[in-house]
């Protein structure tokens, strides 16, 4: 019996990588300073969802 040639494969197509969001630097979270009291003294930071990329860490296409 004759040997078969392997079927030719199509080259793999890679998706272009999305750029990182400049606001959160790809983490998906941003920190906001928290002020309290009448004199508005600084007490710390609170993390939240990045509104620039909605937490994905990838820059949205404009």
PDB file of N, CA and C in Angstrom:
ATOM      1  N   UNK A   1       0.830  -1.176   0.000  1.00  0.00           N
ATOM      2  CA  UNK A   1       0.000   0.000   0.000  1.00  0.00           C
ATOM      3  C   UNK A   1       0.883   1.251   0.000  1.00  0.00           C
ATOM      4  N   UNK A   2       0.534   2.229  -0.783  1.00  0.00           N
ATOM      5  CA  UNK A   2       1.331   3.456  -0.892  1.00  0.00           C
ATOM      6  C   UNK A   2       1.095   4.352   0.324  1.00  0.00           C
ATOM      7  N   UNK A   3       2.150   5.052   0.708  1.00  0.00           N
ATOM      8  CA  UNK A   3       2.002   5.959   1.850  1.00  0.00           C
ATOM      9  C   UNK A   3       1.311   7.247   1.407  1.00  0.00           C
ATOM     10  N   UNK A   4       0.536   7.815   2.295  1.00  0.00           N
ATOM     11  CA  UNK A   4      -0.199   9.034   1.997  1.00  0.00           C
ATOM     12  C   UNK A   4       0.586  10.253   2.400  1.00  0.00           C
ATOM     13  N   UNK A   5       0.391  11.298   1.649  1.00  0.00           N
ATOM     14  CA  UNK A   5       0.963  12.580   2.029  1.00  0.00           C
ATOM     15  C   UNK A   5       0.070  13.189   3.106  1.00  0.00           C
ATOM     16  N   UNK A   6       0.671  13.822   4.105  1.00  0.00           N
ATOM     17  CA  UNK A   6      -0.185  14.476   5.094  1.00  0.00           C
ATOM     18  C   UNK A   6      -0.908  15.668   4.466  1.00  0.00           C
ATOM     19  N   UNK A   7      -2.115  15.892   4.899  1.00  0.00           N
ATOM     20  CA  UNK A   7      -2.906  17.002   4.364  1.00  0.00           C
ATOM     21  C   UNK A   7      -2.232  18.324   4.706  1.00  0.00           C
ATOM     22  N   UNK A   8      -2.227  19.225   3.748  1.00  0.00           N
ATOM     23  CA  UNK A   8      -1.601  20.537   3.967  1.00  0.00           C
ATOM     24  C   UNK A   8      -2.453  21.348   4.936  1.00  0.00           C
ATOM     25  N   UNK A   9      -1.798  21.944   5.925  1.00  0.00           N
ATOM     26  CA  UNK A   9      -2.515  22.753   6.909  1.00  0.00           C
ATOM     27  C   UNK A   9      -2.459  24.218   6.519  1.00  0.00           C
ATOM     28  N   UNK A  10      -3.535  24.912   6.838  1.00  0.00           N
ATOM     29  CA  UNK A  10      -3.541  26.349   6.622  1.00  0.00           C
ATOM     30  C   UNK A  10      -2.696  26.994   7.714  1.00  0.00           C
ATOM     31  N   UNK A  11      -1.981  28.047   7.391  1.00  0.00           N
ATOM     32  CA  UNK A  11      -1.195  28.714   8.432  1.00  0.00           C
ATOM     33  C   UNK A  11      -2.125  29.330   9.476  1.00  0.00           C
ATOM     34  N   UNK A  12      -1.700  29.278  10.728  1.00  0.00           N
ATOM     35  CA  UNK A  12      -2.505  29.821  11.818  1.00  0.00           C
ATOM     36  C   UNK A  12      -2.603  31.336  11.684  1.00  0.00           C
ATOM     37  N   UNK A  13      -3.801  31.834  11.861  1.00  0.00           N
ATOM     38  CA  UNK A  13      -4.031  33.273  11.774  1.00  0.00           C
ATOM     39  C   UNK A  13      -4.123  33.805  13.193  1.00  0.00           C
ATOM     40  N   UNK A  14      -3.257  34.760  13.510  1.00  0.00           N
ATOM     41  CA  UNK A  14      -3.253  35.329  14.851  1.00  0.00           C
ATOM     42  C   UNK A  14      -4.082  36.600  14.879  1.00  0.00           C
ATOM     43  N   UNK A  15      -4.820  36.764  15.963  1.00  0.00           N
ATOM     44  CA  UNK A  15      -5.583  37.979  16.150  1.00  0.00           C
ATOM     45  C   UNK A  15      -4.631  39.090  16.579  1.00  0.00           C
ATOM     46  N   UNK A  16      -4.863  40.303  16.125  1.00  0.00           N
ATOM     47  CA  UNK A  16      -4.025  41.400  16.613  1.00  0.00           C
ATOM     48  C   UNK A  16      -4.316  41.656  18.092  1.00  0.00           C
ATOM     49  N   UNK A  17      -3.262  41.871  18.862  1.00  0.00           N
ATOM     50  CA  UNK A  17      -3.438  42.105  20.285  1.00  0.00           C
ATOM     51  C   UNK A  17      -4.027  43.482  20.526  1.00  0.00           C
ATOM     52  N   UNK A  18      -4.964  43.536  21.445  1.00  0.00           N
ATOM     53  CA  UNK A  18      -5.560  44.818  21.800  1.00  0.00           C
ATOM     54  C   UNK A  18      -4.578  45.595  22.674  1.00  0.00           C
ATOM     55  N   UNK A  19      -4.622  46.897  22.545  1.00  0.00           N
ATOM     56  CA  UNK A  19      -3.741  47.738  23.340  1.00  0.00           C
ATOM     57  C   UNK A  19      -4.274  47.840  24.756  1.00  0.00           C
ATOM     58  N   UNK A  20      -3.371  48.070  25.693  1.00  0.00           N
ATOM     59  CA  UNK A  20      -3.776  48.230  27.084  1.00  0.00           C
ATOM     60  C   UNK A  20      -4.481  49.555  27.269  1.00  0.00           C
ATOM     61  N   UNK A  21      -5.411  49.576  28.182  1.00  0.00           N
ATOM     62  CA  UNK A  21      -6.130  50.793  28.511  1.00  0.00           C
ATOM     63  C   UNK A  21      -5.160  51.759  29.199  1.00  0.00           C
ATOM     64  N   UNK A  22      -5.072  53.014  28.746  1.00  0.00           N
ATOM     65  CA  UNK A  22      -4.132  53.948  29.360  1.00  0.00           C
ATOM     66  C   UNK A  22      -4.529  54.378  30.772  1.00  0.00           C
ATOM     67  N   UNK A  23      -5.812  54.323  31.095  1.00  0.00           N
ATOM     68  CA  UNK A  23      -6.260  54.766  32.417  1.00  0.00           C
ATOM     69  C   UNK A  23      -5.875  53.779  33.512  1.00  0.00           C
ATOM     70  N   UNK A  24      -6.064  52.480  33.264  1.00  0.00           N
ATOM     71  CA  UNK A  24      -5.804  51.473  34.300  1.00  0.00           C
ATOM     72  C   UNK A  24      -4.551  50.665  34.023  1.00  0.00           C
ATOM     73  N   UNK A  25      -3.898  50.889  32.900  1.00  0.00           N
ATOM     74  CA  UNK A  25      -2.673  50.192  32.500  1.00  0.00           C
ATOM     75  C   UNK A  25      -2.877  48.681  32.395  1.00  0.00           C
ATOM     76  N   UNK A  26      -4.073  48.264  31.970  1.00  0.00           N
ATOM     77  CA  UNK A  26      -4.352  46.853  31.721  1.00  0.00           C
ATOM     78  C   UNK A  26      -4.843  46.059  32.919  1.00  0.00           C
ATOM     79  N   UNK A  27      -5.003  46.678  34.090  1.00  0.00           N
ATOM     80  CA  UNK A  27      -5.444  45.935  35.264  1.00  0.00           C
ATOM     81  C   UNK A  27      -6.955  45.838  35.377  1.00  0.00           C
ATOM     82  N   UNK A  28      -7.680  46.823  34.840  1.00  0.00           N
ATOM     83  CA  UNK A  28      -9.137  46.816  34.933  1.00  0.00           C
ATOM     84  C   UNK A  28      -9.659  47.543  36.151  1.00  0.00           C
ATOM     85  N   UNK A  29      -8.772  47.986  37.027  1.00  0.00           N
ATOM     86  CA  UNK A  29      -9.170  48.710  38.235  1.00  0.00           C
ATOM     87  C   UNK A  29      -8.419  50.031  38.325  1.00  0.00           C
ATOM     88  N   UNK A  30      -9.089  51.033  38.878  1.00  0.00           N
ATOM     89  CA  UNK A  30      -8.454  52.321  39.117  1.00  0.00           C
ATOM     90  C   UNK A  30      -8.648  52.684  40.583  1.00  0.00           C
ATOM     91  N   UNK A  31      -7.687  53.427  41.130  1.00  0.00           N
ATOM     92  CA  UNK A  31      -7.762  53.857  42.521  1.00  0.00           C
ATOM     93  C   UNK A  31      -8.178  55.318  42.584  1.00  0.00           C
ATOM     94  N   UNK A  32      -9.077  55.625  43.522  1.00  0.00           N
ATOM     95  CA  UNK A  32      -9.564  56.979  43.720  1.00  0.00           C
ATOM     96  C   UNK A  32      -9.280  57.359  45.166  1.00  0.00           C
ATOM     97  N   UNK A  33      -8.700  58.539  45.379  1.00  0.00           N
ATOM     98  CA  UNK A  33      -8.425  58.975  46.747  1.00  0.00           C
ATOM     99  C   UNK A  33      -9.727  59.331  47.446  1.00  0.00           C
ATOM    100  N   UNK A  34      -9.797  59.026  48.731  1.00  0.00           N
ATOM    101  CA  UNK A  34     -11.003  59.264  49.521  1.00  0.00           C
ATOM    102  C   UNK A  34     -10.716  60.364  50.530  1.00  0.00           C
ATOM    103  N   UNK A  35     -11.559  61.386  50.552  1.00  0.00           N
ATOM    104  CA  UNK A  35     -11.445  62.498  51.488  1.00  0.00           C
ATOM    105  C   UNK A  35     -12.661  62.467  52.416  1.00  0.00           C
ATOM    106  N   UNK A  36     -12.450  62.766  53.708  1.00  0.00           N
ATOM    107  CA  UNK A  36     -13.557  62.794  54.661  1.00  0.00           C
ATOM    108  C   UNK A  36     -13.466  64.055  55.515  1.00  0.00           C
ATOM    109  N   UNK A  37     -14.562  64.382  56.126  1.00  0.00           N
ATOM    110  CA  UNK A  37     -14.595  65.494  57.068  1.00  0.00           C
ATOM    111  C   UNK A  37     -14.792  66.843  56.418  1.00  0.00           C
ATOM    112  N   UNK A  38     -15.019  67.836  57.273  1.00  0.00           N
ATOM    113  CA  UNK A  38     -15.263  69.178  56.788  1.00  0.00           C
ATOM    114  C   UNK A  38     -14.028  69.776  56.130  1.00  0.00           C
ATOM    115  N   UNK A  39     -12.852  69.421  56.649  1.00  0.00           N
ATOM    116  CA  UNK A  39     -11.603  69.948  56.084  1.00  0.00           C
ATOM    117  C   UNK A  39     -11.077  69.075  54.945  1.00  0.00           C
ATOM    118  N   UNK A  40     -11.827  68.039  54.596  1.00  0.00           N
ATOM    119  CA  UNK A  40     -11.514  67.165  53.472  1.00  0.00           C
ATOM    120  C   UNK A  40     -10.119  66.549  53.572  1.00  0.00           C
ATOM    121  N   UNK A  41      -9.855  65.904  54.696  1.00  0.00           N
ATOM    122  CA  UNK A  41      -8.547  65.271  54.868  1.00  0.00           C
ATOM    123  C   UNK A  41      -8.516  63.913  54.146  1.00  0.00           C
ATOM    124  N   UNK A  42      -7.342  63.561  53.687  1.00  0.00           N
ATOM    125  CA  UNK A  42      -7.124  62.334  52.935  1.00  0.00           C
ATOM    126  C   UNK A  42      -7.072  61.146  53.897  1.00  0.00           C
ATOM    127  N   UNK A  43      -7.848  60.085  53.617  1.00  0.00           N
ATOM    128  CA  UNK A  43      -7.836  58.906  54.473  1.00  0.00           C
ATOM    129  C   UNK A  43      -7.344  57.654  53.760  1.00  0.00           C
ATOM    130  N   UNK A  44      -7.284  57.651  52.439  1.00  0.00           N
ATOM    131  CA  UNK A  44      -6.809  56.458  51.731  1.00  0.00           C
ATOM    132  C   UNK A  44      -7.290  56.430  50.301  1.00  0.00           C
ATOM    133  N   UNK A  45      -7.273  55.233  49.737  1.00  0.00           N
ATOM    134  CA  UNK A  45      -7.711  55.047  48.363  1.00  0.00           C
ATOM    135  C   UNK A  45      -8.730  53.926  48.287  1.00  0.00           C
ATOM    136  N   UNK A  46      -9.623  54.052  47.324  1.00  0.00           N
ATOM    137  CA  UNK A  46     -10.644  53.046  47.092  1.00  0.00           C
ATOM    138  C   UNK A  46     -10.522  52.600  45.641  1.00  0.00           C
ATOM    139  N   UNK A  47     -10.500  51.294  45.405  1.00  0.00           N
ATOM    140  CA  UNK A  47     -10.392  50.801  44.030  1.00  0.00           C
ATOM    141  C   UNK A  47     -11.779  50.574  43.459  1.00  0.00           C
ATOM    142  N   UNK A  48     -11.863  50.737  42.148  1.00  0.00           N
ATOM    143  CA  UNK A  48     -13.131  50.535  41.467  1.00  0.00           C
ATOM    144  C   UNK A  48     -12.906  50.116  40.031  1.00  0.00           C
ATOM    145  N   UNK A  49     -13.974  49.806  39.356  1.00  0.00           N
ATOM    146  CA  UNK A  49     -13.946  49.357  37.966  1.00  0.00           C
ATOM    147  C   UNK A  49     -13.553  50.510  37.048  1.00  0.00           C
ATOM    148  N   UNK A  50     -12.665  50.249  36.131  1.00  0.00           N
ATOM    149  CA  UNK A  50     -12.230  51.267  35.176  1.00  0.00           C
ATOM    150  C   UNK A  50     -13.360  51.532  34.184  1.00  0.00           C
ATOM    151  N   UNK A  51     -13.754  52.797  34.063  1.00  0.00           N
ATOM    152  CA  UNK A  51     -14.832  53.137  33.148  1.00  0.00           C
ATOM    153  C   UNK A  51     -14.336  53.325  31.724  1.00  0.00           C
ATOM    154  N   UNK A  52     -13.027  53.393  31.536  1.00  0.00           N
ATOM    155  CA  UNK A  52     -12.477  53.522  30.192  1.00  0.00           C
ATOM    156  C   UNK A  52     -12.551  52.223  29.413  1.00  0.00           C
ATOM    157  N   UNK A  53     -12.386  51.097  30.105  1.00  0.00           N
ATOM    158  CA  UNK A  53     -12.397  49.794  29.423  1.00  0.00           C
ATOM    159  C   UNK A  53     -13.428  48.845  30.032  1.00  0.00           C
ATOM    160  N   UNK A  54     -14.183  49.299  31.016  1.00  0.00           N
ATOM    161  CA  UNK A  54     -15.195  48.502  31.701  1.00  0.00           C
ATOM    162  C   UNK A  54     -14.620  47.236  32.337  1.00  0.00           C
ATOM    163  N   UNK A  55     -13.394  47.342  32.854  1.00  0.00           N
ATOM    164  CA  UNK A  55     -12.781  46.247  33.592  1.00  0.00           C
ATOM    165  C   UNK A  55     -12.074  45.200  32.758  1.00  0.00           C
ATOM    166  N   UNK A  56     -12.022  45.340  31.439  1.00  0.00           N
ATOM    167  CA  UNK A  56     -11.364  44.324  30.610  1.00  0.00           C
ATOM    168  C   UNK A  56      -9.862  44.548  30.536  1.00  0.00           C
ATOM    169  N   UNK A  57      -9.415  45.786  30.689  1.00  0.00           N
ATOM    170  CA  UNK A  57      -7.993  46.087  30.603  1.00  0.00           C
ATOM    171  C   UNK A  57      -7.507  46.364  29.195  1.00  0.00           C
ATOM    172  N   UNK A  58      -8.398  46.277  28.220  1.00  0.00           N
ATOM    173  CA  UNK A  58      -8.034  46.515  26.828  1.00  0.00           C
ATOM    174  C   UNK A  58      -8.660  47.819  26.364  1.00  0.00           C
ATOM    175  N   UNK A  59      -7.915  48.600  25.595  1.00  0.00           N
ATOM    176  CA  UNK A  59      -8.419  49.865  25.095  1.00  0.00           C
ATOM    177  C   UNK A  59      -9.517  49.623  24.078  1.00  0.00           C
ATOM    178  N   UNK A  60     -10.578  50.396  24.163  1.00  0.00           N
ATOM    179  CA  UNK A  60     -11.683  50.250  23.235  1.00  0.00           C
ATOM    180  C   UNK A  60     -11.359  50.906  21.912  1.00  0.00           C
ATOM    181  N   UNK A  61     -11.850  50.334  20.848  1.00  0.00           N
ATOM    182  CA  UNK A  61     -11.634  50.897  19.521  1.00  0.00           C
ATOM    183  C   UNK A  61     -12.544  52.097  19.343  1.00  0.00           C
ATOM    184  N   UNK A  62     -12.000  53.211  18.874  1.00  0.00           N
ATOM    185  CA  UNK A  62     -12.815  54.420  18.702  1.00  0.00           C
ATOM    186  C   UNK A  62     -13.333  54.546  17.301  1.00  0.00           C
TER     187      UNK A  62
END
